[in-house]
Amino acid sequence: MPIRLAQEKDIPDIEKLLRQIFQVHYQVRPDLFKETKAGSKYSEEELKELLQDDSRPIFVYADGEERVLAHMFLILKETKDSPISKPMKTLFIDDLCVSEEARGQKIGQELYEFALKYAKDKGCYNLTLNVWNDNKRALAFYERQGLRPLETKMEKIL
């Protein structure tokens, strides 16, 4: 199977994918993100730390030559029992990116299906993620996977 846990040797490829995601974010929200080719969500040191955190696994999709074509950052979240809500275990997809040159090969769908199985295996109640409303391709992809809006965060730019 080409999906496996990320390793330290994958960090340069993951950083490349993170820069691609950053460019998408900049394109859809230039009012929030700076225009830079070096932008990334995590530093190399932060990525090394994340690779050691079992509650925040990073999976990669690698081809036969071990080139990373996609990644998926996951976060296992648990809420405690409270007077108004039940305890719940959730798998949150923090980042899912397929390399620009590998898009259209159903790799994103394979990663998403892998995440669903992973969530079920971990006893999660649900799987969640965030997506920018202006990222129409991502919205359409997630809707094709059967996801529906959970809540709506609204803003008024002043």
C-alpha atoms as a PDB file:
ATOM      1  CA  MET A   1       0.000   0.000   0.000  1.00  0.00           C
ATOM      2  CA  PRO A   2       1.420   3.403  -0.897  1.00  0.00           C
ATOM      3  CA  ILE A   3      -0.038   5.047   2.247  1.00  0.00           C
ATOM      4  CA  ARG A   4       2.248   4.861   5.274  1.00  0.00           C
ATOM      5  CA  LEU A   5       3.254   6.832   8.334  1.00  0.00           C
ATOM      6  CA  ALA A   6       5.555   9.703   7.464  1.00  0.00           C
ATOM      7  CA  GLN A   7       9.221   9.410   8.341  1.00  0.00           C
ATOM      8  CA  GLU A   8      11.904  12.015   8.931  1.00  0.00           C
ATOM      9  CA  LYS A   9      13.274  11.369   5.427  1.00  0.00           C
ATOM     10  CA  ASP A  10       9.910  12.609   4.039  1.00  0.00           C
ATOM     11  CA  ILE A  11      10.200  16.090   5.571  1.00  0.00           C
ATOM     12  CA  PRO A  12      11.567  17.830   2.429  1.00  0.00           C
ATOM     13  CA  ASP A  13       8.675  16.445   0.339  1.00  0.00           C
ATOM     14  CA  ILE A  14       6.150  17.338   3.046  1.00  0.00           C
ATOM     15  CA  GLU A  15       7.537  20.880   3.168  1.00  0.00           C
ATOM     16  CA  LYS A  16       7.072  21.154  -0.606  1.00  0.00           C
ATOM     17  CA  LEU A  17       3.438  20.095  -0.251  1.00  0.00           C
ATOM     18  CA  LEU A  18       2.912  22.523   2.632  1.00  0.00           C
ATOM     19  CA  ARG A  19       4.158  25.340   0.392  1.00  0.00           C
ATOM     20  CA  GLN A  20       1.651  24.277  -2.283  1.00  0.00           C
ATOM     21  CA  ILE A  21      -1.161  24.432   0.281  1.00  0.00           C
ATOM     22  CA  PHE A  22       0.046  27.824   1.436  1.00  0.00           C
ATOM     23  CA  GLN A  23      -0.140  29.124  -2.141  1.00  0.00           C
ATOM     24  CA  VAL A  24      -3.751  27.932  -2.409  1.00  0.00           C
ATOM     25  CA  HIS A  25      -4.568  29.697   0.857  1.00  0.00           C
ATOM     26  CA  TYR A  26      -2.902  32.858  -0.409  1.00  0.00           C
ATOM     27  CA  GLN A  27      -4.864  32.697  -3.673  1.00  0.00           C
ATOM     28  CA  VAL A  28      -8.239  32.331  -1.934  1.00  0.00           C
ATOM     29  CA  ARG A  29      -7.515  34.735   0.957  1.00  0.00           C
ATOM     30  CA  PRO A  30      -4.745  37.226   0.083  1.00  0.00           C
ATOM     31  CA  ASP A  31      -6.171  39.490   2.773  1.00  0.00           C
ATOM     32  CA  LEU A  32      -5.080  36.955   5.420  1.00  0.00           C
ATOM     33  CA  PHE A  33      -1.965  35.323   3.970  1.00  0.00           C
ATOM     34  CA  LYS A  34       1.297  36.869   2.828  1.00  0.00           C
ATOM     35  CA  GLU A  35       2.584  36.373  -0.710  1.00  0.00           C
ATOM     36  CA  THR A  36       5.679  34.231  -0.254  1.00  0.00           C
ATOM     37  CA  LYS A  37       7.115  31.091  -1.818  1.00  0.00           C
ATOM     38  CA  ALA A  38       8.698  30.132   1.510  1.00  0.00           C
ATOM     39  CA  GLY A  39       5.485  30.079   3.546  1.00  0.00           C
ATOM     40  CA  SER A  40       4.755  26.934   5.526  1.00  0.00           C
ATOM     41  CA  LYS A  41       2.544  25.919   8.387  1.00  0.00           C
ATOM     42  CA  TYR A  42       5.351  24.108  10.233  1.00  0.00           C
ATOM     43  CA  SER A  43       9.114  24.447  10.550  1.00  0.00           C
ATOM     44  CA  GLU A  44      11.380  21.444  10.035  1.00  0.00           C
ATOM     45  CA  GLU A  45      11.797  21.134  13.816  1.00  0.00           C
ATOM     46  CA  GLU A  46       8.039  21.239  14.363  1.00  0.00           C
ATOM     47  CA  LEU A  47       7.583  18.520  11.752  1.00  0.00           C
ATOM     48  CA  LYS A  48      10.166  16.352  13.506  1.00  0.00           C
ATOM     49  CA  GLU A  49       8.238  16.783  16.776  1.00  0.00           C
ATOM     50  CA  LEU A  50       4.925  15.959  15.105  1.00  0.00           C
ATOM     51  CA  LEU A  51       6.372  12.742  13.707  1.00  0.00           C
ATOM     52  CA  GLN A  52       6.839  11.610  17.322  1.00  0.00           C
ATOM     53  CA  ASP A  53       3.299  12.513  18.461  1.00  0.00           C
ATOM     54  CA  ASP A  54       0.922   9.512  18.306  1.00  0.00           C
ATOM     55  CA  SER A  55      -2.119  11.768  18.722  1.00  0.00           C
ATOM     56  CA  ARG A  56      -1.134  13.725  15.581  1.00  0.00           C
ATOM     57  CA  PRO A  57      -0.107  11.147  12.967  1.00  0.00           C
ATOM     58  CA  ILE A  58       1.084  12.216   9.554  1.00  0.00           C
ATOM     59  CA  PHE A  59       0.524   9.831   6.670  1.00  0.00           C
ATOM     60  CA  VAL A  60       2.053  10.070   3.223  1.00  0.00           C
ATOM     61  CA  TYR A  61       1.177   8.575  -0.120  1.00  0.00           C
ATOM     62  CA  ALA A  62       4.424   7.450  -1.745  1.00  0.00           C
ATOM     63  CA  ASP A  63       4.938   5.962  -5.175  1.00  0.00           C
ATOM     64  CA  GLY A  64       7.066   2.891  -5.966  1.00  0.00           C
ATOM     65  CA  GLU A  65      10.198   5.034  -5.901  1.00  0.00           C
ATOM     66  CA  GLU A  66       9.289   6.376  -2.423  1.00  0.00           C
ATOM     67  CA  ARG A  67       8.512   9.868  -3.768  1.00  0.00           C
ATOM     68  CA  VAL A  68       5.881  11.498  -1.561  1.00  0.00           C
ATOM     69  CA  LEU A  69       2.958  12.524  -3.771  1.00  0.00           C
ATOM     70  CA  ALA A  70       0.573  13.501  -0.982  1.00  0.00           C
ATOM     71  CA  HIS A  71       0.297  13.897   2.758  1.00  0.00           C
ATOM     72  CA  MET A  72      -2.407  13.917   5.399  1.00  0.00           C
ATOM     73  CA  PHE A  73      -2.001  15.401   8.880  1.00  0.00           C
ATOM     74  CA  LEU A  74      -4.472  13.972  11.402  1.00  0.00           C
ATOM     75  CA  ILE A  75      -5.364  14.957  14.971  1.00  0.00           C
ATOM     76  CA  LEU A  76      -7.187  12.682  17.396  1.00  0.00           C
ATOM     77  CA  LYS A  77      -9.381  14.830  19.648  1.00  0.00           C
ATOM     78  CA  GLU A  78     -11.380  13.754  22.686  1.00  0.00           C
ATOM     79  CA  THR A  79     -13.972  15.768  24.544  1.00  0.00           C
ATOM     80  CA  LYS A  80     -14.923  14.868  28.088  1.00  0.00           C
ATOM     81  CA  ASP A  81     -18.372  14.304  29.470  1.00  0.00           C
ATOM     82  CA  SER A  82     -19.983  17.579  30.528  1.00  0.00           C
ATOM     83  CA  PRO A  83     -23.379  18.662  31.832  1.00  0.00           C
ATOM     84  CA  ILE A  84     -24.460  19.557  28.283  1.00  0.00           C
ATOM     85  CA  SER A  85     -22.518  17.288  25.953  1.00  0.00           C
ATOM     86  CA  LYS A  86     -21.520  13.671  25.649  1.00  0.00           C
ATOM     87  CA  PRO A  87     -17.892  12.567  25.525  1.00  0.00           C
ATOM     88  CA  MET A  88     -16.701  12.176  21.949  1.00  0.00           C
ATOM     89  CA  LYS A  89     -13.654  11.046  20.049  1.00  0.00           C
ATOM     90  CA  THR A  90     -13.083  12.807  16.721  1.00  0.00           C
ATOM     91  CA  LEU A  91     -10.531  12.434  13.974  1.00  0.00           C
ATOM     92  CA  PHE A  92      -9.702  15.847  12.520  1.00  0.00           C
ATOM     93  CA  ILE A  93      -8.005  16.100   9.127  1.00  0.00           C
ATOM     94  CA  ASP A  94      -5.702  19.046   9.709  1.00  0.00           C
ATOM     95  CA  ASP A  95      -4.096  18.996   6.266  1.00  0.00           C
ATOM     96  CA  LEU A  96      -4.600  16.918   3.139  1.00  0.00           C
ATOM     97  CA  CYS A  97      -2.572  17.795   0.062  1.00  0.00           C
ATOM     98  CA  VAL A  98      -1.948  16.001  -3.211  1.00  0.00           C
ATOM     99  CA  SER A  99       1.000  17.328  -5.188  1.00  0.00           C
ATOM    100  CA  GLU A 100       0.019  19.471  -8.157  1.00  0.00           C
ATOM    101  CA  GLU A 101       1.655  17.010 -10.552  1.00  0.00           C
ATOM    102  CA  ALA A 102      -0.221  14.003  -9.089  1.00  0.00           C
ATOM    103  CA  ARG A 103      -3.755  15.418  -8.994  1.00  0.00           C
ATOM    104  CA  GLY A 104      -6.528  13.646 -10.867  1.00  0.00           C
ATOM    105  CA  GLN A 105      -5.287  10.157  -9.929  1.00  0.00           C
ATOM    106  CA  LYS A 106      -7.759   9.579  -7.045  1.00  0.00           C
ATOM    107  CA  ILE A 107      -4.948   9.874  -4.463  1.00  0.00           C
ATOM    108  CA  GLY A 108      -6.981  12.325  -2.370  1.00  0.00           C
ATOM    109  CA  GLN A 109      -9.887   9.891  -2.342  1.00  0.00           C
ATOM    110  CA  GLU A 110      -7.584   7.053  -1.245  1.00  0.00           C
ATOM    111  CA  LEU A 111      -6.239   9.196   1.598  1.00  0.00           C
ATOM    112  CA  TYR A 112      -9.739  10.194   2.657  1.00  0.00           C
ATOM    113  CA  GLU A 113     -10.922   6.567   2.661  1.00  0.00           C
ATOM    114  CA  PHE A 114      -7.810   5.640   4.652  1.00  0.00           C
ATOM    115  CA  ALA A 115      -8.710   8.355   7.187  1.00  0.00           C
ATOM    116  CA  LEU A 116     -12.249   6.971   7.507  1.00  0.00           C
ATOM    117  CA  LYS A 117     -10.936   3.493   8.251  1.00  0.00           C
ATOM    118  CA  TYR A 118      -8.342   4.891  10.660  1.00  0.00           C
ATOM    119  CA  ALA A 119     -11.064   6.841  12.508  1.00  0.00           C
ATOM    120  CA  LYS A 120     -13.268   3.739  12.791  1.00  0.00           C
ATOM    121  CA  ASP A 121     -10.311   1.656  14.006  1.00  0.00           C
ATOM    122  CA  LYS A 122      -9.606   4.289  16.693  1.00  0.00           C
ATOM    123  CA  GLY A 123     -13.230   4.266  17.866  1.00  0.00           C
ATOM    124  CA  CYS A 124     -14.036   7.776  16.658  1.00  0.00           C
ATOM    125  CA  TYR A 125     -17.585   9.054  16.483  1.00  0.00           C
ATOM    126  CA  ASN A 126     -16.870  11.306  13.512  1.00  0.00           C
ATOM    127  CA  LEU A 127     -14.306  12.737  11.140  1.00  0.00           C
ATOM    128  CA  THR A 128     -14.038  16.498  10.683  1.00  0.00           C
ATOM    129  CA  LEU A 129     -11.975  19.034   8.772  1.00  0.00           C
ATOM    130  CA  ASN A 130     -11.912  22.699   7.837  1.00  0.00           C
ATOM    131  CA  VAL A 131     -11.964  24.006   4.281  1.00  0.00           C
ATOM    132  CA  TRP A 132     -12.002  27.578   2.992  1.00  0.00           C
ATOM    133  CA  ASN A 133     -15.314  28.387   1.273  1.00  0.00           C
ATOM    134  CA  ASP A 134     -13.448  30.066  -1.588  1.00  0.00           C
ATOM    135  CA  ASN A 135     -11.442  26.877  -2.259  1.00  0.00           C
ATOM    136  CA  LYS A 136     -14.070  25.548  -4.651  1.00  0.00           C
ATOM    137  CA  ARG A 137     -12.047  22.502  -5.794  1.00  0.00           C
ATOM    138  CA  ALA A 138     -11.528  21.316  -2.219  1.00  0.00           C
ATOM    139  CA  LEU A 139     -15.173  21.940  -1.314  1.00  0.00           C
ATOM    140  CA  ALA A 140     -16.348  19.931  -4.316  1.00  0.00           C
ATOM    141  CA  PHE A 141     -13.911  17.109  -3.486  1.00  0.00           C
ATOM    142  CA  TYR A 142     -15.108  16.818   0.118  1.00  0.00           C
ATOM    143  CA  GLU A 143     -18.759  17.003  -0.908  1.00  0.00           C
ATOM    144  CA  ARG A 144     -18.133  14.104  -3.344  1.00  0.00           C
ATOM    145  CA  GLN A 145     -16.750  12.147  -0.376  1.00  0.00           C
ATOM    146  CA  GLY A 146     -20.067  12.652   1.451  1.00  0.00           C
ATOM    147  CA  LEU A 147     -19.023  15.355   3.921  1.00  0.00           C
ATOM    148  CA  ARG A 148     -21.559  17.999   4.875  1.00  0.00           C
ATOM    149  CA  PRO A 149     -21.122  21.298   6.743  1.00  0.00           C
ATOM    150  CA  LEU A 150     -21.032  20.902  10.510  1.00  0.00           C
ATOM    151  CA  GLU A 151     -21.148  24.578  11.391  1.00  0.00           C
ATOM    152  CA  THR A 152     -20.617  27.879   9.644  1.00  0.00           C
ATOM    153  CA  LYS A 153     -18.067  30.441  10.767  1.00  0.00           C
ATOM    154  CA  MET A 154     -18.971  33.873   9.481  1.00  0.00           C
ATOM    155  CA  GLU A 155     -17.079  37.157   9.208  1.00  0.00           C
ATOM    156  CA  LYS A 156     -17.462  40.770   8.240  1.00  0.00           C
ATOM    157  CA  ILE A 157     -14.257  42.416   7.085  1.00  0.00           C
ATOM    158  CA  LEU A 158     -14.041  45.914   8.483  1.00  0.00           C
END
